[in-house]
PDB file of N, CA and C in Angstrom:
ATOM      1  N   MET A   1     -25.796  62.982   4.377  1.00  0.00           N
ATOM      2  CA  MET A   1     -24.063  62.307   4.328  1.00  0.00           C
ATOM      3  C   MET A   1     -23.892  63.529   5.586  1.00  0.00           C
ATOM      4  N   MET A   2     -23.298  63.241   5.917  1.00  0.00           N
ATOM      5  CA  MET A   2     -23.068  64.475   7.622  1.00  0.00           C
ATOM      6  C   MET A   2     -21.541  64.973   7.041  1.00  0.00           C
ATOM      7  N   LEU A   3     -21.042  65.844   6.909  1.00  0.00           N
ATOM      8  CA  LEU A   3     -19.767  66.734   7.301  1.00  0.00           C
ATOM      9  C   LEU A   3     -19.618  66.621   8.443  1.00  0.00           C
ATOM     10  N   ARG A   4     -18.076  65.883   8.105  1.00  0.00           N
ATOM     11  CA  ARG A   4     -17.561  65.849   9.730  1.00  0.00           C
ATOM     12  C   ARG A   4     -15.877  66.796   9.422  1.00  0.00           C
ATOM     13  N   VAL A   5     -15.338  67.900  10.565  1.00  0.00           N
ATOM     14  CA  VAL A   5     -14.472  68.508  10.949  1.00  0.00           C
ATOM     15  C   VAL A   5     -13.847  68.225  11.905  1.00  0.00           C
ATOM     16  N   ASP A   6     -12.457  68.319  11.383  1.00  0.00           N
ATOM     17  CA  ASP A   6     -11.879  67.709  12.398  1.00  0.00           C
ATOM     18  C   ASP A   6     -11.699  68.781  13.897  1.00  0.00           C
ATOM     19  N   GLY A   7     -11.783  68.206  15.403  1.00  0.00           N
ATOM     20  CA  GLY A   7     -11.939  69.102  15.732  1.00  0.00           C
ATOM     21  C   GLY A   7     -12.995  70.366  16.575  1.00  0.00           C
ATOM     22  N   LEU A   8     -14.496  69.559  15.589  1.00  0.00           N
ATOM     23  CA  LEU A   8     -15.752  70.299  16.043  1.00  0.00           C
ATOM     24  C   LEU A   8     -16.384  68.753  16.192  1.00  0.00           C
ATOM     25  N   GLU A   9     -17.103  69.175  17.358  1.00  0.00           N
ATOM     26  CA  GLU A   9     -18.034  68.348  18.266  1.00  0.00           C
ATOM     27  C   GLU A   9     -18.926  68.969  18.690  1.00  0.00           C
ATOM     28  N   GLN A  10     -20.159  68.529  18.707  1.00  0.00           N
ATOM     29  CA  GLN A  10     -21.569  68.735  20.246  1.00  0.00           C
ATOM     30  C   GLN A  10     -21.140  68.326  20.796  1.00  0.00           C
ATOM     31  N   ARG A  11     -21.469  68.980  22.305  1.00  0.00           N
ATOM     32  CA  ARG A  11     -21.789  68.155  23.226  1.00  0.00           C
ATOM     33  C   ARG A  11     -22.950  67.323  23.662  1.00  0.00           C
ATOM     34  N   PRO A  12     -22.913  66.070  23.684  1.00  0.00           N
ATOM     35  CA  PRO A  12     -23.800  65.092  23.262  1.00  0.00           C
ATOM     36  C   PRO A  12     -24.915  65.488  24.864  1.00  0.00           C
ATOM     37  N   LYS A  13     -25.518  65.092  24.854  1.00  0.00           N
ATOM     38  CA  LYS A  13     -27.426  65.395  25.438  1.00  0.00           C
ATOM     39  C   LYS A  13     -26.665  66.821  26.634  1.00  0.00           C
ATOM     40  N   GLY A  14     -27.041  67.467  27.189  1.00  0.00           N
ATOM     41  CA  GLY A  14     -27.621  68.237  27.220  1.00  0.00           C
ATOM     42  C   GLY A  14     -27.673  69.817  27.092  1.00  0.00           C
ATOM     43  N   SER A  15     -26.283  69.954  26.795  1.00  0.00           N
ATOM     44  CA  SER A  15     -26.152  72.180  26.009  1.00  0.00           C
ATOM     45  C   SER A  15     -26.323  71.624  24.952  1.00  0.00           C
ATOM     46  N   GLY A  16     -25.874  70.832  24.098  1.00  0.00           N
ATOM     47  CA  GLY A  16     -25.786  71.031  22.719  1.00  0.00           C
ATOM     48  C   GLY A  16     -25.125  71.593  22.041  1.00  0.00           C
ATOM     49  N   VAL A  17     -24.189  72.572  23.259  1.00  0.00           N
ATOM     50  CA  VAL A  17     -23.291  73.367  21.933  1.00  0.00           C
ATOM     51  C   VAL A  17     -22.370  72.697  21.726  1.00  0.00           C
ATOM     52  N   TRP A  18     -21.843  73.672  20.019  1.00  0.00           N
ATOM     53  CA  TRP A  18     -20.191  72.618  20.042  1.00  0.00           C
ATOM     54  C   TRP A  18     -19.118  73.702  19.822  1.00  0.00           C
ATOM     55  N   LYS A  19     -17.659  72.627  20.064  1.00  0.00           N
ATOM     56  CA  LYS A  19     -17.294  73.229  20.733  1.00  0.00           C
ATOM     57  C   LYS A  19     -15.964  72.707  19.613  1.00  0.00           C
ATOM     58  N   TYR A  20     -14.978  73.293  20.069  1.00  0.00           N
ATOM     59  CA  TYR A  20     -13.297  72.713  19.330  1.00  0.00           C
ATOM     60  C   TYR A  20     -12.675  71.835  19.903  1.00  0.00           C
ATOM     61  N   ARG A  21     -12.206  71.078  19.687  1.00  0.00           N
ATOM     62  CA  ARG A  21     -11.573  69.883  20.730  1.00  0.00           C
ATOM     63  C   ARG A  21     -10.106  69.645  19.858  1.00  0.00           C
ATOM     64  N   ARG A  22      -8.946  70.411  20.427  1.00  0.00           N
ATOM     65  CA  ARG A  22      -7.575  69.890  19.967  1.00  0.00           C
ATOM     66  C   ARG A  22      -6.607  69.844  21.030  1.00  0.00           C
ATOM     67  N   ALA A  23      -6.129  68.301  20.104  1.00  0.00           N
ATOM     68  CA  ALA A  23      -5.522  68.247  21.179  1.00  0.00           C
ATOM     69  C   ALA A  23      -3.147  68.252  21.244  1.00  0.00           C
ATOM     70  N   ILE A  24      -2.514  68.485  22.778  1.00  0.00           N
ATOM     71  CA  ILE A  24      -1.804  69.630  22.747  1.00  0.00           C
ATOM     72  C   ILE A  24      -0.918  68.522  22.588  1.00  0.00           C
ATOM     73  N   PRO A  25       0.239  69.010  21.629  1.00  0.00           N
ATOM     74  CA  PRO A  25       2.093  68.267  21.305  1.00  0.00           C
ATOM     75  C   PRO A  25       1.921  67.850  22.511  1.00  0.00           C
ATOM     76  N   PRO A  26       2.660  66.352  22.781  1.00  0.00           N
ATOM     77  CA  PRO A  26       3.698  66.163  24.281  1.00  0.00           C
ATOM     78  C   PRO A  26       4.420  66.826  24.025  1.00  0.00           C
ATOM     79  N   HIS A  27       5.536  67.792  23.151  1.00  0.00           N
ATOM     80  CA  HIS A  27       6.673  68.919  23.889  1.00  0.00           C
ATOM     81  C   HIS A  27       6.430  69.582  24.261  1.00  0.00           C
ATOM     82  N   LEU A  28       4.732  70.378  24.276  1.00  0.00           N
ATOM     83  CA  LEU A  28       4.511  71.664  25.264  1.00  0.00           C
ATOM     84  C   LEU A  28       3.253  71.935  25.970  1.00  0.00           C
ATOM     85  N   ARG A  29       3.115  69.775  26.061  1.00  0.00           N
ATOM     86  CA  ARG A  29       1.992  69.555  27.561  1.00  0.00           C
ATOM     87  C   ARG A  29       2.535  70.517  28.534  1.00  0.00           C
ATOM     88  N   ASP A  30       3.441  70.781  29.334  1.00  0.00           N
ATOM     89  CA  ASP A  30       4.043  71.367  30.781  1.00  0.00           C
ATOM     90  C   ASP A  30       3.632  73.066  30.375  1.00  0.00           C
ATOM     91  N   ALA A  31       3.745  73.326  29.176  1.00  0.00           N
ATOM     92  CA  ALA A  31       3.542  75.187  29.115  1.00  0.00           C
ATOM     93  C   ALA A  31       1.836  74.805  29.134  1.00  0.00           C
ATOM     94  N   PHE A  32       0.698  73.912  28.753  1.00  0.00           N
ATOM     95  CA  PHE A  32      -0.137  74.327  28.952  1.00  0.00           C
ATOM     96  C   PHE A  32      -0.694  73.123  30.666  1.00  0.00           C
ATOM     97  N   ASP A  33       0.335  73.515  31.176  1.00  0.00           N
ATOM     98  CA  ASP A  33       0.485  72.884  32.747  1.00  0.00           C
ATOM     99  C   ASP A  33      -0.414  71.238  32.481  1.00  0.00           C
ATOM    100  N   GLY A  34       0.139  70.271  31.793  1.00  0.00           N
ATOM    101  CA  GLY A  34       0.280  69.071  31.928  1.00  0.00           C
ATOM    102  C   GLY A  34      -0.857  68.394  30.948  1.00  0.00           C
ATOM    103  N   LYS A  35      -1.789  69.749  30.604  1.00  0.00           N
ATOM    104  CA  LYS A  35      -2.919  69.362  29.753  1.00  0.00           C
ATOM    105  C   LYS A  35      -3.113  68.995  28.421  1.00  0.00           C
ATOM    106  N   TRP A  36      -3.722  67.560  28.495  1.00  0.00           N
ATOM    107  CA  TRP A  36      -3.304  66.661  26.960  1.00  0.00           C
ATOM    108  C   TRP A  36      -4.527  67.786  25.830  1.00  0.00           C
ATOM    109  N   GLN A  37      -5.756  68.819  25.858  1.00  0.00           N
ATOM    110  CA  GLN A  37      -5.780  68.775  25.396  1.00  0.00           C
ATOM    111  C   GLN A  37      -6.467  70.132  25.776  1.00  0.00           C
ATOM    112  N   ILE A  38      -6.432  71.044  24.645  1.00  0.00           N
ATOM    113  CA  ILE A  38      -8.039  71.796  24.998  1.00  0.00           C
ATOM    114  C   ILE A  38      -9.497  72.040  23.562  1.00  0.00           C
ATOM    115  N   ILE A  39     -10.001  72.366  24.288  1.00  0.00           N
ATOM    116  CA  ILE A  39     -11.159  72.456  24.191  1.00  0.00           C
ATOM    117  C   ILE A  39     -12.138  74.366  24.405  1.00  0.00           C
ATOM    118  N   ARG A  40     -12.894  74.743  23.490  1.00  0.00           N
ATOM    119  CA  ARG A  40     -13.046  75.794  23.326  1.00  0.00           C
ATOM    120  C   ARG A  40     -14.040  75.644  23.309  1.00  0.00           C
ATOM    121  N   SER A  41     -15.756  76.264  23.448  1.00  0.00           N
ATOM    122  CA  SER A  41     -16.860  76.711  23.734  1.00  0.00           C
ATOM    123  C   SER A  41     -16.754  77.281  22.292  1.00  0.00           C
ATOM    124  N   LEU A  42     -17.648  77.064  21.240  1.00  0.00           N
ATOM    125  CA  LEU A  42     -18.137  77.659  19.464  1.00  0.00           C
ATOM    126  C   LEU A  42     -19.319  78.892  20.536  1.00  0.00           C
ATOM    127  N   LYS A  43     -20.032  78.276  21.469  1.00  0.00           N
ATOM    128  CA  LYS A  43     -20.785  79.040  22.172  1.00  0.00           C
ATOM    129  C   LYS A  43     -22.115  79.218  21.448  1.00  0.00           C
ATOM    130  N   THR A  44     -22.758  78.606  19.901  1.00  0.00           N
ATOM    131  CA  THR A  44     -23.658  78.177  19.793  1.00  0.00           C
ATOM    132  C   THR A  44     -24.182  76.706  19.175  1.00  0.00           C
ATOM    133  N   LYS A  45     -24.932  76.023  19.289  1.00  0.00           N
ATOM    134  CA  LYS A  45     -25.748  74.712  18.995  1.00  0.00           C
ATOM    135  C   LYS A  45     -25.932  74.699  17.486  1.00  0.00           C
ATOM    136  N   ASP A  46     -25.903  75.617  16.902  1.00  0.00           N
ATOM    137  CA  ASP A  46     -25.753  75.885  15.001  1.00  0.00           C
ATOM    138  C   ASP A  46     -25.276  74.784  14.634  1.00  0.00           C
ATOM    139  N   LYS A  47     -24.841  74.443  13.707  1.00  0.00           N
ATOM    140  CA  LYS A  47     -23.200  73.870  13.115  1.00  0.00           C
ATOM    141  C   LYS A  47     -23.084  75.306  12.149  1.00  0.00           C
ATOM    142  N   LEU A  48     -23.675  76.315  11.474  1.00  0.00           N
ATOM    143  CA  LEU A  48     -23.513  76.794   9.951  1.00  0.00           C
ATOM    144  C   LEU A  48     -22.603  77.336  11.155  1.00  0.00           C
ATOM    145  N   ALA A  49     -23.305  78.558  11.642  1.00  0.00           N
ATOM    146  CA  ALA A  49     -22.450  79.291  12.467  1.00  0.00           C
ATOM    147  C   ALA A  49     -21.363  78.703  13.487  1.00  0.00           C
ATOM    148  N   ALA A  50     -21.257  77.640  14.272  1.00  0.00           N
ATOM    149  CA  ALA A  50     -19.695  76.575  14.483  1.00  0.00           C
ATOM    150  C   ALA A  50     -18.947  76.830  13.743  1.00  0.00           C
ATOM    151  N   LEU A  51     -19.097  76.622  11.887  1.00  0.00           N
ATOM    152  CA  LEU A  51     -18.495  76.076  10.769  1.00  0.00           C
ATOM    153  C   LEU A  51     -17.860  77.682  11.055  1.00  0.00           C
ATOM    154  N   ARG A  52     -18.673  78.934  10.817  1.00  0.00           N
ATOM    155  CA  ARG A  52     -17.931  80.495  10.794  1.00  0.00           C
ATOM    156  C   ARG A  52     -17.134  80.282  11.780  1.00  0.00           C
ATOM    157  N   LYS A  53     -17.411  80.031  13.388  1.00  0.00           N
ATOM    158  CA  LYS A  53     -16.587  80.691  14.046  1.00  0.00           C
ATOM    159  C   LYS A  53     -15.160  79.953  14.734  1.00  0.00           C
ATOM    160  N   LEU A  54     -15.324  78.236  13.543  1.00  0.00           N
ATOM    161  CA  LEU A  54     -13.950  77.591  13.993  1.00  0.00           C
ATOM    162  C   LEU A  54     -13.235  78.427  13.297  1.00  0.00           C
ATOM    163  N   PRO A  55     -12.419  78.333  12.162  1.00  0.00           N
ATOM    164  CA  PRO A  55     -10.912  79.148  11.648  1.00  0.00           C
ATOM    165  C   PRO A  55     -10.428  79.618  12.833  1.00  0.00           C
ATOM    166  N   GLY A  56     -11.306  81.252  13.375  1.00  0.00           N
ATOM    167  CA  GLY A  56     -11.323  81.713  14.643  1.00  0.00           C
ATOM    168  C   GLY A  56     -10.367  81.435  15.591  1.00  0.00           C
ATOM    169  N   VAL A  57     -11.355  80.488  16.467  1.00  0.00           N
ATOM    170  CA  VAL A  57     -10.839  79.848  17.337  1.00  0.00           C
ATOM    171  C   VAL A  57      -9.785  78.490  17.100  1.00  0.00           C
ATOM    172  N   ALA A  58      -9.802  77.937  16.216  1.00  0.00           N
ATOM    173  CA  ALA A  58      -8.997  77.222  15.957  1.00  0.00           C
ATOM    174  C   ALA A  58      -7.023  78.229  15.576  1.00  0.00           C
ATOM    175  N   ALA A  59      -7.478  79.348  15.160  1.00  0.00           N
ATOM    176  CA  ALA A  59      -5.822  80.353  14.320  1.00  0.00           C
ATOM    177  C   ALA A  59      -5.560  80.476  16.043  1.00  0.00           C
ATOM    178  N   GLU A  60      -6.901  81.007  17.061  1.00  0.00           N
ATOM    179  CA  GLU A  60      -6.300  81.576  18.819  1.00  0.00           C
ATOM    180  C   GLU A  60      -5.245  80.392  19.008  1.00  0.00           C
ATOM    181  N   VAL A  61      -6.166  79.088  18.751  1.00  0.00           N
ATOM    182  CA  VAL A  61      -5.600  78.272  20.215  1.00  0.00           C
ATOM    183  C   VAL A  61      -3.398  77.860  18.833  1.00  0.00           C
ATOM    184  N   GLU A  62      -3.333  78.264  17.966  1.00  0.00           N
ATOM    185  CA  GLU A  62      -2.085  77.800  17.017  1.00  0.00           C
ATOM    186  C   GLU A  62      -1.246  78.642  16.822  1.00  0.00           C
ATOM    187  N   ARG A  63      -1.869  79.691  17.708  1.00  0.00           N
ATOM    188  CA  ARG A  63      -1.117  80.624  17.746  1.00  0.00           C
ATOM    189  C   ARG A  63      -0.540  81.047  19.044  1.00  0.00           C
ATOM    190  N   GLN A  64      -1.502  80.351  20.543  1.00  0.00           N
ATOM    191  CA  GLN A  64      -0.559  79.936  21.833  1.00  0.00           C
ATOM    192  C   GLN A  64       0.304  79.096  21.724  1.00  0.00           C
ATOM    193  N   PHE A  65      -0.460  77.542  20.780  1.00  0.00           N
ATOM    194  CA  PHE A  65       1.040  76.515  20.557  1.00  0.00           C
ATOM    195  C   PHE A  65       2.630  77.466  19.842  1.00  0.00           C
ATOM    196  N   ARG A  66       2.300  78.426  18.858  1.00  0.00           N
ATOM    197  CA  ARG A  66       3.536  79.109  18.338  1.00  0.00           C
ATOM    198  C   ARG A  66       4.639  79.766  19.717  1.00  0.00           C
ATOM    199  N   GLU A  67       2.858  80.295  20.736  1.00  0.00           N
ATOM    200  CA  GLU A  67       4.350  81.238  21.639  1.00  0.00           C
ATOM    201  C   GLU A  67       4.674  79.912  22.405  1.00  0.00           C
ATOM    202  N   ALA A  68       3.892  79.177  23.194  1.00  0.00           N
ATOM    203  CA  ALA A  68       4.407  77.536  23.433  1.00  0.00           C
ATOM    204  C   ALA A  68       5.839  77.006  23.391  1.00  0.00           C
ATOM    205  N   GLU A  69       5.840  76.907  22.640  1.00  0.00           N
ATOM    206  CA  GLU A  69       7.020  77.050  21.068  1.00  0.00           C
ATOM    207  C   GLU A  69       8.216  77.449  21.581  1.00  0.00           C
ATOM    208  N   LYS A  70       7.803  79.551  21.413  1.00  0.00           N
ATOM    209  CA  LYS A  70       8.801  79.900  21.871  1.00  0.00           C
ATOM    210  C   LYS A  70       9.717  79.721  23.110  1.00  0.00           C
ATOM    211  N   ALA A  71       8.360  79.863  24.337  1.00  0.00           N
ATOM    212  CA  ALA A  71       8.493  79.855  25.024  1.00  0.00           C
ATOM    213  C   ALA A  71       9.550  78.935  25.701  1.00  0.00           C
ATOM    214  N   ILE A  72       9.858  77.721  24.737  1.00  0.00           N
ATOM    215  CA  ILE A  72      10.630  76.403  25.248  1.00  0.00           C
ATOM    216  C   ILE A  72      11.631  76.568  25.091  1.00  0.00           C
ATOM    217  N   GLY A  73      11.756  77.280  23.719  1.00  0.00           N
ATOM    218  CA  GLY A  73      13.853  77.714  23.339  1.00  0.00           C
ATOM    219  C   GLY A  73      14.130  79.468  24.456  1.00  0.00           C
ATOM    220  N   ASN A  74      13.185  79.614  24.453  1.00  0.00           N
ATOM    221  CA  ASN A  74      13.281  80.783  25.521  1.00  0.00           C
ATOM    222  C   ASN A  74      12.600  80.568  27.185  1.00  0.00           C
ATOM    223  N   PRO A  75      13.566  80.858  28.476  1.00  0.00           N
ATOM    224  CA  PRO A  75      12.396  80.758  29.406  1.00  0.00           C
ATOM    225  C   PRO A  75      12.217  81.767  30.278  1.00  0.00           C
ATOM    226  N   GLN A  76      12.676  82.716  29.930  1.00  0.00           N
ATOM    227  CA  GLN A  76      12.349  84.204  30.591  1.00  0.00           C
ATOM    228  C   GLN A  76      11.146  84.471  29.283  1.00  0.00           C
ATOM    229  N   ILE A  77      10.811  84.100  28.420  1.00  0.00           N
ATOM    230  CA  ILE A  77       9.294  84.529  27.655  1.00  0.00           C
ATOM    231  C   ILE A  77       8.219  83.850  28.468  1.00  0.00           C
ATOM    232  N   ALA A  78       8.691  82.670  28.862  1.00  0.00           N
ATOM    233  CA  ALA A  78       7.486  82.465  29.422  1.00  0.00           C
ATOM    234  C   ALA A  78       7.431  82.360  31.366  1.00  0.00           C
ATOM    235  N   ALA A  79       8.702  82.569  31.544  1.00  0.00           N
ATOM    236  CA  ALA A  79       8.739  83.711  32.892  1.00  0.00           C
ATOM    237  C   ALA A  79       8.120  84.729  32.918  1.00  0.00           C
ATOM    238  N   TYR A  80       8.000  85.609  31.371  1.00  0.00           N
ATOM    239  CA  TYR A  80       7.253  86.848  31.436  1.00  0.00           C
ATOM    240  C   TYR A  80       5.377  86.522  31.701  1.00  0.00           C
ATOM    241  N   LYS A  81       5.652  85.755  30.835  1.00  0.00           N
ATOM    242  CA  LYS A  81       4.073  85.311  30.813  1.00  0.00           C
ATOM    243  C   LYS A  81       3.698  85.218  32.434  1.00  0.00           C
ATOM    244  N   ALA A  82       3.785  83.962  32.730  1.00  0.00           N
ATOM    245  CA  ALA A  82       3.851  83.906  34.244  1.00  0.00           C
ATOM    246  C   ALA A  82       3.032  84.782  35.035  1.00  0.00           C
ATOM    247  N   VAL A  83       3.789  85.449  35.067  1.00  0.00           N
ATOM    248  CA  VAL A  83       4.157  86.805  36.351  1.00  0.00           C
ATOM    249  C   VAL A  83       2.869  87.652  35.537  1.00  0.00           C
ATOM    250  N   GLU A  84       3.234  87.791  34.395  1.00  0.00           N
ATOM    251  CA  GLU A  84       1.951  88.548  33.436  1.00  0.00           C
ATOM    252  C   GLU A  84      -0.146  88.323  34.109  1.00  0.00           C
ATOM    253  N   GLU A  85       0.318  86.888  34.096  1.00  0.00           N
ATOM    254  CA  GLU A  85      -0.353  86.676  33.431  1.00  0.00           C
ATOM    255  C   GLU A  85      -1.124  86.491  35.557  1.00  0.00           C
ATOM    256  N   TRP A  86      -0.229  86.206  36.373  1.00  0.00           N
ATOM    257  CA  TRP A  86       0.308  86.172  37.494  1.00  0.00           C
ATOM    258  C   TRP A  86      -0.373  87.496  38.154  1.00  0.00           C
ATOM    259  N   TRP A  87      -0.283  88.795  37.899  1.00  0.00           N
ATOM    260  CA  TRP A  87      -0.435  90.401  38.091  1.00  0.00           C
ATOM    261  C   TRP A  87      -2.004  90.266  37.588  1.00  0.00           C
ATOM    262  N   GLN A  88      -2.147  90.635  36.555  1.00  0.00           N
ATOM    263  CA  GLN A  88      -3.571  90.366  36.360  1.00  0.00           C
ATOM    264  C   GLN A  88      -4.551  90.086  37.120  1.00  0.00           C
ATOM    265  N   TYR A  89      -4.441  88.711  37.582  1.00  0.00           N
ATOM    266  CA  TYR A  89      -5.274  87.446  38.758  1.00  0.00           C
ATOM    267  C   TYR A  89      -4.547  88.744  40.197  1.00  0.00           C
ATOM    268  N   GLN A  90      -3.552  88.867  39.505  1.00  0.00           N
ATOM    269  CA  GLN A  90      -3.914  90.385  41.339  1.00  0.00           C
ATOM    270  C   GLN A  90      -4.806  90.864  41.701  1.00  0.00           C
ATOM    271  N   ALA A  91      -4.417  91.565  40.043  1.00  0.00           N
ATOM    272  CA  ALA A  91      -5.046  92.758  40.137  1.00  0.00           C
ATOM    273  C   ALA A  91      -6.451  92.668  40.182  1.00  0.00           C
ATOM    274  N   SER A  92      -7.150  91.638  39.797  1.00  0.00           N
ATOM    275  CA  SER A  92      -9.089  91.413  39.938  1.00  0.00           C
ATOM    276  C   SER A  92      -9.374  90.652  41.261  1.00  0.00           C
ATOM    277  N   ARG A  93      -8.437  90.479  42.340  1.00  0.00           N
ATOM    278  CA  ARG A  93      -8.966  90.434  43.556  1.00  0.00           C
ATOM    279  C   ARG A  93      -8.239  91.977  44.631  1.00  0.00           C
ATOM    280  N   PRO A  94      -9.466  91.413  45.317  1.00  0.00           N
ATOM    281  CA  PRO A  94      -8.849  92.577  46.722  1.00  0.00           C
ATOM    282  C   PRO A  94      -7.243  92.185  47.273  1.00  0.00           C
ATOM    283  N   TYR A  95      -6.786  92.819  47.271  1.00  0.00           N
ATOM    284  CA  TYR A  95      -5.842  93.112  48.239  1.00  0.00           C
ATOM    285  C   TYR A  95      -6.075  92.842  49.965  1.00  0.00           C
ATOM    286  N   ASP A  96      -5.714  91.997  50.165  1.00  0.00           N
ATOM    287  CA  ASP A  96      -4.910  90.638  51.979  1.00  0.00           C
ATOM    288  C   ASP A  96      -3.728  90.739  51.747  1.00  0.00           C
ATOM    289  N   ARG A  97      -3.535  91.096  53.110  1.00  0.00           N
ATOM    290  CA  ARG A  97      -1.585  91.105  53.450  1.00  0.00           C
ATOM    291  C   ARG A  97      -1.578  89.891  53.869  1.00  0.00           C
ATOM    292  N   PHE A  98      -2.652  88.754  54.358  1.00  0.00           N
ATOM    293  CA  PHE A  98      -2.640  87.426  54.579  1.00  0.00           C
ATOM    294  C   PHE A  98      -2.266  86.525  53.610  1.00  0.00           C
ATOM    295  N   HIS A  99      -2.871  86.824  52.817  1.00  0.00           N
ATOM    296  CA  HIS A  99      -2.940  85.825  51.689  1.00  0.00           C
ATOM    297  C   HIS A  99      -1.138  86.129  50.596  1.00  0.00           C
ATOM    298  N   GLU A 100      -1.268  87.232  50.750  1.00  0.00           N
ATOM    299  CA  GLU A 100       0.329  87.936  50.417  1.00  0.00           C
ATOM    300  C   GLU A 100       1.529  87.005  50.490  1.00  0.00           C
ATOM    301  N   GLU A 101       1.391  86.892  52.286  1.00  0.00           N
ATOM    302  CA  GLU A 101       2.119  86.658  52.619  1.00  0.00           C
ATOM    303  C   GLU A 101       1.915  84.453  52.517  1.00  0.00           C
ATOM    304  N   ALA A 102       0.748  84.507  52.271  1.00  0.00           N
ATOM    305  CA  ALA A 102       1.200  82.310  52.516  1.00  0.00           C
ATOM    306  C   ALA A 102       1.620  82.874  51.228  1.00  0.00           C
ATOM    307  N   VAL A 103       1.346  83.849  49.227  1.00  0.00           N
ATOM    308  CA  VAL A 103       1.769  82.600  48.400  1.00  0.00           C
ATOM    309  C   VAL A 103       2.985  83.088  48.605  1.00  0.00           C
ATOM    310  N   ASP A 104       3.788  84.204  49.288  1.00  0.00           N
ATOM    311  CA  ASP A 104       5.445  84.412  49.402  1.00  0.00           C
ATOM    312  C   ASP A 104       6.433  83.100  49.958  1.00  0.00           C
ATOM    313  N   HIS A 105       5.499  82.838  50.686  1.00  0.00           N
ATOM    314  CA  HIS A 105       5.764  81.662  51.579  1.00  0.00           C
ATOM    315  C   HIS A 105       5.960  79.929  50.933  1.00  0.00           C
ATOM    316  N   HIS A 106       4.692  80.054  50.229  1.00  0.00           N
ATOM    317  CA  HIS A 106       4.504  79.039  48.912  1.00  0.00           C
ATOM    318  C   HIS A 106       6.062  79.093  48.145  1.00  0.00           C
ATOM    319  N   ILE A 107       5.964  80.155  47.423  1.00  0.00           N
ATOM    320  CA  ILE A 107       6.629  79.868  46.276  1.00  0.00           C
ATOM    321  C   ILE A 107       8.385  79.956  47.156  1.00  0.00           C
ATOM    322  N   THR A 108       8.768  80.300  47.941  1.00  0.00           N
ATOM    323  CA  THR A 108       9.770  80.199  48.626  1.00  0.00           C
ATOM    324  C   THR A 108       9.876  78.696  49.109  1.00  0.00           C
ATOM    325  N   SER A 109       9.159  77.850  49.455  1.00  0.00           N
ATOM    326  CA  SER A 109       9.147  76.644  49.906  1.00  0.00           C
ATOM    327  C   SER A 109       9.341  75.683  48.145  1.00  0.00           C
ATOM    328  N   LEU A 110       8.479  76.333  47.083  1.00  0.00           N
ATOM    329  CA  LEU A 110       8.499  75.653  45.468  1.00  0.00           C
ATOM    330  C   LEU A 110      10.342  75.815  45.165  1.00  0.00           C
ATOM    331  N   ARG A 111      10.319  77.011  45.155  1.00  0.00           N
ATOM    332  CA  ARG A 111      12.138  77.648  44.897  1.00  0.00           C
ATOM    333  C   ARG A 111      12.973  76.033  45.952  1.00  0.00           C
ATOM    334  N   GLU A 112      12.582  75.759  46.417  1.00  0.00           N
ATOM    335  CA  GLU A 112      13.922  74.619  47.694  1.00  0.00           C
ATOM    336  C   GLU A 112      13.657  73.679  47.493  1.00  0.00           C
ATOM    337  N   ARG A 113      12.558  72.710  46.543  1.00  0.00           N
ATOM    338  CA  ARG A 113      12.257  71.812  45.875  1.00  0.00           C
ATOM    339  C   ARG A 113      13.141  71.052  44.865  1.00  0.00           C
ATOM    340  N   ASP A 114      13.693  70.550  44.777  1.00  0.00           N
ATOM    341  CA  ASP A 114      14.245  69.801  43.601  1.00  0.00           C
ATOM    342  C   ASP A 114      13.890  69.092  41.858  1.00  0.00           C
ATOM    343  N   ASP A 115      13.161  68.380  42.068  1.00  0.00           N
ATOM    344  CA  ASP A 115      12.022  67.655  41.521  1.00  0.00           C
ATOM    345  C   ASP A 115      11.502  68.548  40.395  1.00  0.00           C
ATOM    346  N   LEU A 116      11.147  69.645  39.751  1.00  0.00           N
ATOM    347  CA  LEU A 116      11.057  70.652  39.132  1.00  0.00           C
ATOM    348  C   LEU A 116      11.776  70.541  38.164  1.00  0.00           C
ATOM    349  N   SER A 117      10.722  71.022  36.986  1.00  0.00           N
ATOM    350  CA  SER A 117      11.075  70.811  35.011  1.00  0.00           C
ATOM    351  C   SER A 117      12.156  72.428  34.900  1.00  0.00           C
ATOM    352  N   GLU A 118      12.538  72.540  34.337  1.00  0.00           N
ATOM    353  CA  GLU A 118      13.655  74.026  34.079  1.00  0.00           C
ATOM    354  C   GLU A 118      12.196  74.856  33.602  1.00  0.00           C
ATOM    355  N   HIS A 119      11.449  74.571  33.080  1.00  0.00           N
ATOM    356  CA  HIS A 119      10.364  75.586  32.606  1.00  0.00           C
ATOM    357  C   HIS A 119       9.467  76.005  33.624  1.00  0.00           C
ATOM    358  N   GLN A 120       9.427  75.007  35.174  1.00  0.00           N
ATOM    359  CA  GLN A 120       8.938  75.021  36.379  1.00  0.00           C
ATOM    360  C   GLN A 120       9.581  76.120  37.563  1.00  0.00           C
ATOM    361  N   ARG A 121      10.531  75.620  36.844  1.00  0.00           N
ATOM    362  CA  ARG A 121      11.634  76.345  38.114  1.00  0.00           C
ATOM    363  C   ARG A 121      12.435  78.277  37.089  1.00  0.00           C
ATOM    364  N   THR A 122      12.060  78.219  35.904  1.00  0.00           N
ATOM    365  CA  THR A 122      11.986  79.499  35.443  1.00  0.00           C
ATOM    366  C   THR A 122      11.406  80.976  36.142  1.00  0.00           C
ATOM    367  N   VAL A 123      10.033  79.411  36.099  1.00  0.00           N
ATOM    368  CA  VAL A 123       8.683  80.691  36.058  1.00  0.00           C
ATOM    369  C   VAL A 123       8.834  80.979  38.067  1.00  0.00           C
ATOM    370  N   LEU A 124       9.145  80.418  38.224  1.00  0.00           N
ATOM    371  CA  LEU A 124       9.453  80.810  40.038  1.00  0.00           C
ATOM    372  C   LEU A 124      10.322  81.502  40.152  1.00  0.00           C
ATOM    373  N   LEU A 125      11.293  81.483  39.546  1.00  0.00           N
ATOM    374  CA  LEU A 125      12.800  82.799  39.905  1.00  0.00           C
ATOM    375  C   LEU A 125      12.181  83.645  39.691  1.00  0.00           C
ATOM    376  N   ALA A 126      11.107  83.537  38.293  1.00  0.00           N
ATOM    377  CA  ALA A 126      10.651  85.103  38.163  1.00  0.00           C
ATOM    378  C   ALA A 126       9.308  85.390  38.935  1.00  0.00           C
ATOM    379  N   CYS A 127       9.062  84.661  40.352  1.00  0.00           N
ATOM    380  CA  CYS A 127       8.384  85.461  40.954  1.00  0.00           C
ATOM    381  C   CYS A 127       9.318  86.769  41.419  1.00  0.00           C
TER     382      CYS A 127
END
C-alpha cells in the first residue's frame, strides 16, 4: 500500500527527485508575482528522506504566506521587502551605470501607469 502525503510529489521520468507543491491562496497571488503555486525541491530521490525534509519546507512556505498576509495589511512591509530583495540582487551584480540609468527610466515610466494594483504602486514608490 502506498502512503500519500499532501503536497509531496516525485518528478515523473527524468530526475525522480521529490518535491513539495502547495497552491498559493488567491488573495496572496499578487505578493508572489501572480504565481498560483509554490514548488520546492526536497533534493532527494529517497522517499523517507523526503518525508523527513517535508515539515521544514512546508513550514517555510507557510511562513512566507503569513508574511504575505501581513504585507497585504501593511503595504509598507511589502515595499520594504521588495527593496530589500532588490538591494540583495544589486549587490550580487557588478556596477553598470548604463543599466542603472535604464532601471531608473523604467521605474519612472511604470510609476506613470494607471493600471497598477495598490501593492505594485506601493512597491514602485519605495524604489
